[in-house]
Amino acid sequence: MTLTTLELSQIKPIPGFDCVKMKREIQAQIYEETKHMTWEERREHTRKAAERFDREIERIRAERQRRAAEARTDTP
């Protein structure tokens, strides 16, 4: 699952966050995890990682919806 345009537009910058540094660290981590894998093993590793990511996005989306619903019911 992907983020909607609205969800992406609501993401605010985090002061002091270095996106390029984070990208490089993640790439190095993935390289270390997969450097001795076959192509098929890397493909399966990537598929599982994508599934975990999708589940996390769904969890976050559900939590936001729950909080929004609570906020609506708490408003007099």
PDB file of N, CA and C in Angstrom:
ATOM      1  N   MET A   1       0.850  -1.170   0.000  1.00  0.00           N
ATOM      2  CA  MET A   1       0.000   0.000   0.000  1.00  0.00           C
ATOM      3  C   MET A   1       0.901   1.241   0.000  1.00  0.00           C
ATOM      4  N   THR A   2       0.446   2.270  -0.673  1.00  0.00           N
ATOM      5  CA  THR A   2       1.219   3.505  -0.742  1.00  0.00           C
ATOM      6  C   THR A   2       0.468   4.626  -0.039  1.00  0.00           C
ATOM      7  N   LEU A   3       1.208   5.661   0.289  1.00  0.00           N
ATOM      8  CA  LEU A   3       0.597   6.831   0.908  1.00  0.00           C
ATOM      9  C   LEU A   3      -0.150   7.636  -0.149  1.00  0.00           C
ATOM     10  N   THR A   4      -1.261   8.217   0.252  1.00  0.00           N
ATOM     11  CA  THR A   4      -2.015   9.057  -0.669  1.00  0.00           C
ATOM     12  C   THR A   4      -1.335  10.414  -0.798  1.00  0.00           C
ATOM     13  N   THR A   5      -1.718  11.172  -1.807  1.00  0.00           N
ATOM     14  CA  THR A   5      -1.173  12.515  -1.991  1.00  0.00           C
ATOM     15  C   THR A   5      -1.469  13.377  -0.768  1.00  0.00           C
ATOM     16  N   LEU A   6      -2.667  13.242  -0.222  1.00  0.00           N
ATOM     17  CA  LEU A   6      -3.031  14.004   0.976  1.00  0.00           C
ATOM     18  C   LEU A   6      -2.129  13.634   2.145  1.00  0.00           C
ATOM     19  N   GLU A   7      -1.898  12.341   2.351  1.00  0.00           N
ATOM     20  CA  GLU A   7      -1.034  11.909   3.450  1.00  0.00           C
ATOM     21  C   GLU A   7       0.385  12.434   3.260  1.00  0.00           C
ATOM     22  N   LEU A   8       0.892  12.379   2.048  1.00  0.00           N
ATOM     23  CA  LEU A   8       2.234  12.888   1.781  1.00  0.00           C
ATOM     24  C   LEU A   8       2.316  14.389   2.032  1.00  0.00           C
ATOM     25  N   SER A   9       1.247  15.123   1.688  1.00  0.00           N
ATOM     26  CA  SER A   9       1.265  16.574   1.866  1.00  0.00           C
ATOM     27  C   SER A   9       1.222  16.965   3.340  1.00  0.00           C
ATOM     28  N   GLN A  10       0.803  16.053   4.205  1.00  0.00           N
ATOM     29  CA  GLN A  10       0.699  16.343   5.640  1.00  0.00           C
ATOM     30  C   GLN A  10       1.993  16.046   6.397  1.00  0.00           C
ATOM     31  N   ILE A  11       2.982  15.478   5.726  1.00  0.00           N
ATOM     32  CA  ILE A  11       4.256  15.170   6.368  1.00  0.00           C
ATOM     33  C   ILE A  11       5.061  16.459   6.496  1.00  0.00           C
ATOM     34  N   LYS A  12       5.454  16.767   7.707  1.00  0.00           N
ATOM     35  CA  LYS A  12       6.209  17.995   7.974  1.00  0.00           C
ATOM     36  C   LYS A  12       7.700  17.677   8.110  1.00  0.00           C
ATOM     37  N   PRO A  13       8.572  18.581   7.663  1.00  0.00           N
ATOM     38  CA  PRO A  13      10.013  18.372   7.813  1.00  0.00           C
ATOM     39  C   PRO A  13      10.406  18.286   9.292  1.00  0.00           C
ATOM     40  N   ILE A  14      11.411  17.495   9.570  1.00  0.00           N
ATOM     41  CA  ILE A  14      11.924  17.354  10.932  1.00  0.00           C
ATOM     42  C   ILE A  14      13.257  18.105  11.006  1.00  0.00           C
ATOM     43  N   PRO A  15      13.336  19.158  11.821  1.00  0.00           N
ATOM     44  CA  PRO A  15      14.589  19.913  11.925  1.00  0.00           C
ATOM     45  C   PRO A  15      15.751  19.005  12.347  1.00  0.00           C
ATOM     46  N   GLY A  16      16.877  19.135  11.664  1.00  0.00           N
ATOM     47  CA  GLY A  16      18.070  18.379  12.007  1.00  0.00           C
ATOM     48  C   GLY A  16      18.099  16.968  11.443  1.00  0.00           C
ATOM     49  N   PHE A  17      17.055  16.546  10.745  1.00  0.00           N
ATOM     50  CA  PHE A  17      17.011  15.201  10.181  1.00  0.00           C
ATOM     51  C   PHE A  17      17.759  15.188   8.861  1.00  0.00           C
ATOM     52  N   ASP A  18      18.713  14.274   8.727  1.00  0.00           N
ATOM     53  CA  ASP A  18      19.528  14.163   7.514  1.00  0.00           C
ATOM     54  C   ASP A  18      19.053  12.958   6.699  1.00  0.00           C
ATOM     55  N   CYS A  19      18.228  13.228   5.706  1.00  0.00           N
ATOM     56  CA  CYS A  19      17.633  12.174   4.886  1.00  0.00           C
ATOM     57  C   CYS A  19      18.696  11.380   4.121  1.00  0.00           C
ATOM     58  N   VAL A  20      19.690  12.062   3.576  1.00  0.00           N
ATOM     59  CA  VAL A  20      20.722  11.383   2.794  1.00  0.00           C
ATOM     60  C   VAL A  20      21.535  10.450   3.689  1.00  0.00           C
ATOM     61  N   LYS A  21      21.855  10.902   4.888  1.00  0.00           N
ATOM     62  CA  LYS A  21      22.595  10.060   5.831  1.00  0.00           C
ATOM     63  C   LYS A  21      21.786   8.809   6.170  1.00  0.00           C
ATOM     64  N   MET A  22      20.497   8.989   6.425  1.00  0.00           N
ATOM     65  CA  MET A  22      19.647   7.855   6.746  1.00  0.00           C
ATOM     66  C   MET A  22      19.584   6.880   5.579  1.00  0.00           C
ATOM     67  N   LYS A  23      19.439   7.387   4.359  1.00  0.00           N
ATOM     68  CA  LYS A  23      19.388   6.546   3.166  1.00  0.00           C
ATOM     69  C   LYS A  23      20.661   5.720   3.038  1.00  0.00           C
ATOM     70  N   ARG A  24      21.798   6.346   3.237  1.00  0.00           N
ATOM     71  CA  ARG A  24      23.078   5.637   3.122  1.00  0.00           C
ATOM     72  C   ARG A  24      23.229   4.572   4.202  1.00  0.00           C
ATOM     73  N   GLU A  25      22.781   4.878   5.420  1.00  0.00           N
ATOM     74  CA  GLU A  25      22.852   3.896   6.507  1.00  0.00           C
ATOM     75  C   GLU A  25      21.963   2.692   6.218  1.00  0.00           C
ATOM     76  N   ILE A  26      20.772   2.951   5.704  1.00  0.00           N
ATOM     77  CA  ILE A  26      19.857   1.857   5.371  1.00  0.00           C
ATOM     78  C   ILE A  26      20.431   1.019   4.230  1.00  0.00           C
ATOM     79  N   GLN A  27      20.992   1.673   3.218  1.00  0.00           N
ATOM     80  CA  GLN A  27      21.602   0.933   2.113  1.00  0.00           C
ATOM     81  C   GLN A  27      22.738   0.041   2.608  1.00  0.00           C
ATOM     82  N   ALA A  28      23.559   0.562   3.513  1.00  0.00           N
ATOM     83  CA  ALA A  28      24.669  -0.228   4.057  1.00  0.00           C
ATOM     84  C   ALA A  28      24.140  -1.425   4.848  1.00  0.00           C
ATOM     85  N   GLN A  29      23.078  -1.206   5.610  1.00  0.00           N
ATOM     86  CA  GLN A  29      22.481  -2.293   6.386  1.00  0.00           C
ATOM     87  C   GLN A  29      21.931  -3.382   5.453  1.00  0.00           C
ATOM     88  N   ILE A  30      21.218  -2.972   4.416  1.00  0.00           N
ATOM     89  CA  ILE A  30      20.656  -3.938   3.472  1.00  0.00           C
ATOM     90  C   ILE A  30      21.777  -4.693   2.757  1.00  0.00           C
ATOM     91  N   TYR A  31      22.827  -3.985   2.395  1.00  0.00           N
ATOM     92  CA  TYR A  31      23.956  -4.637   1.737  1.00  0.00           C
ATOM     93  C   TYR A  31      24.541  -5.719   2.640  1.00  0.00           C
ATOM     94  N   GLU A  32      24.759  -5.383   3.911  1.00  0.00           N
ATOM     95  CA  GLU A  32      25.327  -6.361   4.846  1.00  0.00           C
ATOM     96  C   GLU A  32      24.413  -7.570   5.015  1.00  0.00           C
ATOM     97  N   GLU A  33      23.103  -7.335   5.037  1.00  0.00           N
ATOM     98  CA  GLU A  33      22.148  -8.433   5.199  1.00  0.00           C
ATOM     99  C   GLU A  33      22.080  -9.330   3.971  1.00  0.00           C
ATOM    100  N   THR A  34      22.358  -8.783   2.803  1.00  0.00           N
ATOM    101  CA  THR A  34      22.123  -9.522   1.565  1.00  0.00           C
ATOM    102  C   THR A  34      23.372  -9.847   0.759  1.00  0.00           C
ATOM    103  N   LYS A  35      24.544  -9.448   1.200  1.00  0.00           N
ATOM    104  CA  LYS A  35      25.729  -9.569   0.347  1.00  0.00           C
ATOM    105  C   LYS A  35      26.082 -11.004  -0.030  1.00  0.00           C
ATOM    106  N   HIS A  36      25.697 -11.978   0.772  1.00  0.00           N
ATOM    107  CA  HIS A  36      26.021 -13.370   0.451  1.00  0.00           C
ATOM    108  C   HIS A  36      24.809 -14.149  -0.057  1.00  0.00           C
ATOM    109  N   MET A  37      23.717 -13.449  -0.344  1.00  0.00           N
ATOM    110  CA  MET A  37      22.500 -14.112  -0.812  1.00  0.00           C
ATOM    111  C   MET A  37      22.512 -14.266  -2.327  1.00  0.00           C
ATOM    112  N   THR A  38      21.787 -15.283  -2.779  1.00  0.00           N
ATOM    113  CA  THR A  38      21.563 -15.428  -4.217  1.00  0.00           C
ATOM    114  C   THR A  38      20.529 -14.389  -4.643  1.00  0.00           C
ATOM    115  N   TRP A  39      20.349 -14.273  -5.960  1.00  0.00           N
ATOM    116  CA  TRP A  39      19.355 -13.336  -6.465  1.00  0.00           C
ATOM    117  C   TRP A  39      17.975 -13.682  -5.934  1.00  0.00           C
ATOM    118  N   GLU A  40      17.643 -14.959  -5.918  1.00  0.00           N
ATOM    119  CA  GLU A  40      16.331 -15.392  -5.432  1.00  0.00           C
ATOM    120  C   GLU A  40      16.154 -15.071  -3.946  1.00  0.00           C
ATOM    121  N   GLU A  41      17.201 -15.277  -3.162  1.00  0.00           N
ATOM    122  CA  GLU A  41      17.132 -14.955  -1.728  1.00  0.00           C
ATOM    123  C   GLU A  41      16.955 -13.456  -1.510  1.00  0.00           C
ATOM    124  N   ARG A  42      17.660 -12.644  -2.297  1.00  0.00           N
ATOM    125  CA  ARG A  42      17.509 -11.181  -2.181  1.00  0.00           C
ATOM    126  C   ARG A  42      16.103 -10.757  -2.555  1.00  0.00           C
ATOM    127  N   ARG A  43      15.547 -11.378  -3.606  1.00  0.00           N
ATOM    128  CA  ARG A  43      14.186 -11.061  -4.013  1.00  0.00           C
ATOM    129  C   ARG A  43      13.201 -11.381  -2.895  1.00  0.00           C
ATOM    130  N   GLU A  44      13.350 -12.532  -2.247  1.00  0.00           N
ATOM    131  CA  GLU A  44      12.476 -12.918  -1.141  1.00  0.00           C
ATOM    132  C   GLU A  44      12.669 -11.980   0.057  1.00  0.00           C
ATOM    133  N   HIS A  45      13.897 -11.606   0.332  1.00  0.00           N
ATOM    134  CA  HIS A  45      14.202 -10.666   1.415  1.00  0.00           C
ATOM    135  C   HIS A  45      13.487  -9.342   1.172  1.00  0.00           C
ATOM    136  N   THR A  46      13.542  -8.857  -0.064  1.00  0.00           N
ATOM    137  CA  THR A  46      12.894  -7.592  -0.422  1.00  0.00           C
ATOM    138  C   THR A  46      11.377  -7.711  -0.322  1.00  0.00           C
ATOM    139  N   ARG A  47      10.827  -8.824  -0.773  1.00  0.00           N
ATOM    140  CA  ARG A  47       9.374  -9.033  -0.696  1.00  0.00           C
ATOM    141  C   ARG A  47       8.899  -9.013   0.751  1.00  0.00           C
ATOM    142  N   LYS A  48       9.632  -9.699   1.631  1.00  0.00           N
ATOM    143  CA  LYS A  48       9.252  -9.733   3.050  1.00  0.00           C
ATOM    144  C   LYS A  48       9.368  -8.347   3.686  1.00  0.00           C
ATOM    145  N   ALA A  49      10.408  -7.618   3.317  1.00  0.00           N
ATOM    146  CA  ALA A  49      10.576  -6.266   3.851  1.00  0.00           C
ATOM    147  C   ALA A  49       9.430  -5.365   3.395  1.00  0.00           C
ATOM    148  N   ALA A  50       9.019  -5.510   2.156  1.00  0.00           N
ATOM    149  CA  ALA A  50       7.898  -4.705   1.633  1.00  0.00           C
ATOM    150  C   ALA A  50       6.610  -5.054   2.367  1.00  0.00           C
ATOM    151  N   GLU A  51       6.410  -6.329   2.664  1.00  0.00           N
ATOM    152  CA  GLU A  51       5.217  -6.741   3.422  1.00  0.00           C
ATOM    153  C   GLU A  51       5.224  -6.129   4.824  1.00  0.00           C
ATOM    154  N   ARG A  52       6.387  -6.149   5.483  1.00  0.00           N
ATOM    155  CA  ARG A  52       6.490  -5.547   6.819  1.00  0.00           C
ATOM    156  C   ARG A  52       6.192  -4.057   6.759  1.00  0.00           C
ATOM    157  N   PHE A  53       6.715  -3.382   5.736  1.00  0.00           N
ATOM    158  CA  PHE A  53       6.478  -1.958   5.562  1.00  0.00           C
ATOM    159  C   PHE A  53       4.995  -1.680   5.364  1.00  0.00           C
ATOM    160  N   ASP A  54       4.348  -2.464   4.502  1.00  0.00           N
ATOM    161  CA  ASP A  54       2.921  -2.273   4.252  1.00  0.00           C
ATOM    162  C   ASP A  54       2.107  -2.461   5.531  1.00  0.00           C
ATOM    163  N   ARG A  55       2.444  -3.473   6.332  1.00  0.00           N
ATOM    164  CA  ARG A  55       1.725  -3.695   7.594  1.00  0.00           C
ATOM    165  C   ARG A  55       1.912  -2.517   8.544  1.00  0.00           C
ATOM    166  N   GLU A  56       3.113  -1.970   8.590  1.00  0.00           N
ATOM    167  CA  GLU A  56       3.374  -0.831   9.468  1.00  0.00           C
ATOM    168  C   GLU A  56       2.598   0.407   9.012  1.00  0.00           C
ATOM    169  N   ILE A  57       2.547   0.637   7.709  1.00  0.00           N
ATOM    170  CA  ILE A  57       1.772   1.769   7.183  1.00  0.00           C
ATOM    171  C   ILE A  57       0.305   1.588   7.533  1.00  0.00           C
ATOM    172  N   GLU A  58      -0.216   0.395   7.383  1.00  0.00           N
ATOM    173  CA  GLU A  58      -1.620   0.131   7.730  1.00  0.00           C
ATOM    174  C   GLU A  58      -1.870   0.349   9.222  1.00  0.00           C
ATOM    175  N   ARG A  59      -0.925  -0.061  10.058  1.00  0.00           N
ATOM    176  CA  ARG A  59      -1.057   0.131  11.509  1.00  0.00           C
ATOM    177  C   ARG A  59      -1.111   1.621  11.841  1.00  0.00           C
ATOM    178  N   ILE A  60      -0.217   2.381  11.233  1.00  0.00           N
ATOM    179  CA  ILE A  60      -0.174   3.824  11.473  1.00  0.00           C
ATOM    180  C   ILE A  60      -1.457   4.489  10.968  1.00  0.00           C
ATOM    181  N   ARG A  61      -1.908   4.100   9.783  1.00  0.00           N
ATOM    182  CA  ARG A  61      -3.128   4.673   9.216  1.00  0.00           C
ATOM    183  C   ARG A  61      -4.326   4.372  10.120  1.00  0.00           C
ATOM    184  N   ALA A  62      -4.440   3.137  10.604  1.00  0.00           N
ATOM    185  CA  ALA A  62      -5.551   2.762  11.480  1.00  0.00           C
ATOM    186  C   ALA A  62      -5.497   3.547  12.786  1.00  0.00           C
ATOM    187  N   GLU A  63      -4.303   3.736  13.329  1.00  0.00           N
ATOM    188  CA  GLU A  63      -4.152   4.495  14.568  1.00  0.00           C
ATOM    189  C   GLU A  63      -4.569   5.949  14.360  1.00  0.00           C
ATOM    190  N   ARG A  64      -4.180   6.536  13.245  1.00  0.00           N
ATOM    191  CA  ARG A  64      -4.578   7.922  12.954  1.00  0.00           C
ATOM    192  C   ARG A  64      -6.088   8.033  12.811  1.00  0.00           C
ATOM    193  N   GLN A  65      -6.688   7.066  12.134  1.00  0.00           N
ATOM    194  CA  GLN A  65      -8.146   7.086  11.975  1.00  0.00           C
ATOM    195  C   GLN A  65      -8.836   6.925  13.324  1.00  0.00           C
ATOM    196  N   ARG A  66      -8.300   6.056  14.174  1.00  0.00           N
ATOM    197  CA  ARG A  66      -8.869   5.863  15.505  1.00  0.00           C
ATOM    198  C   ARG A  66      -8.797   7.151  16.315  1.00  0.00           C
ATOM    199  N   ARG A  67      -7.638   7.810  16.273  1.00  0.00           N
ATOM    200  CA  ARG A  67      -7.484   9.069  17.007  1.00  0.00           C
ATOM    201  C   ARG A  67      -8.410  10.154  16.474  1.00  0.00           C
ATOM    202  N   ALA A  68      -8.550  10.215  15.160  1.00  0.00           N
ATOM    203  CA  ALA A  68      -9.445  11.212  14.563  1.00  0.00           C
ATOM    204  C   ALA A  68     -10.882  10.950  14.982  1.00  0.00           C
ATOM    205  N   ALA A  69     -11.295   9.692  15.019  1.00  0.00           N
ATOM    206  CA  ALA A  69     -12.650   9.343  15.441  1.00  0.00           C
ATOM    207  C   ALA A  69     -12.862   9.694  16.897  1.00  0.00           C
ATOM    208  N   GLU A  70     -11.865   9.432  17.735  1.00  0.00           N
ATOM    209  CA  GLU A  70     -11.954   9.800  19.154  1.00  0.00           C
ATOM    210  C   GLU A  70     -12.080  11.307  19.315  1.00  0.00           C
ATOM    211  N   ALA A  71     -11.304  12.051  18.538  1.00  0.00           N
ATOM    212  CA  ALA A  71     -11.344  13.513  18.625  1.00  0.00           C
ATOM    213  C   ALA A  71     -12.717  14.042  18.227  1.00  0.00           C
ATOM    214  N   ARG A  72     -13.333  13.417  17.232  1.00  0.00           N
ATOM    215  CA  ARG A  72     -14.662  13.848  16.819  1.00  0.00           C
ATOM    216  C   ARG A  72     -15.703  13.567  17.894  1.00  0.00           C
ATOM    217  N   THR A  73     -15.587  12.447  18.595  1.00  0.00           N
ATOM    218  CA  THR A  73     -16.564  12.099  19.618  1.00  0.00           C
ATOM    219  C   THR A  73     -16.319  12.860  20.913  1.00  0.00           C
ATOM    220  N   ASP A  74     -15.079  13.326  21.117  1.00  0.00           N
ATOM    221  CA  ASP A  74     -14.760  14.092  22.333  1.00  0.00           C
ATOM    222  C   ASP A  74     -15.165  15.561  22.220  1.00  0.00           C
ATOM    223  N   THR A  75     -15.407  16.037  21.014  1.00  0.00           N
ATOM    224  CA  THR A  75     -15.756  17.435  20.790  1.00  0.00           C
ATOM    225  C   THR A  75     -17.228  17.650  21.143  1.00  0.00           C
ATOM    226  N   PRO A  76     -17.510  18.649  22.062  1.00  0.00           N
ATOM    227  CA  PRO A  76     -18.901  18.894  22.462  1.00  0.00           C
ATOM    228  C   PRO A  76     -19.759  19.441  21.348  1.00  0.00           C
TER     229      PRO A  76
END
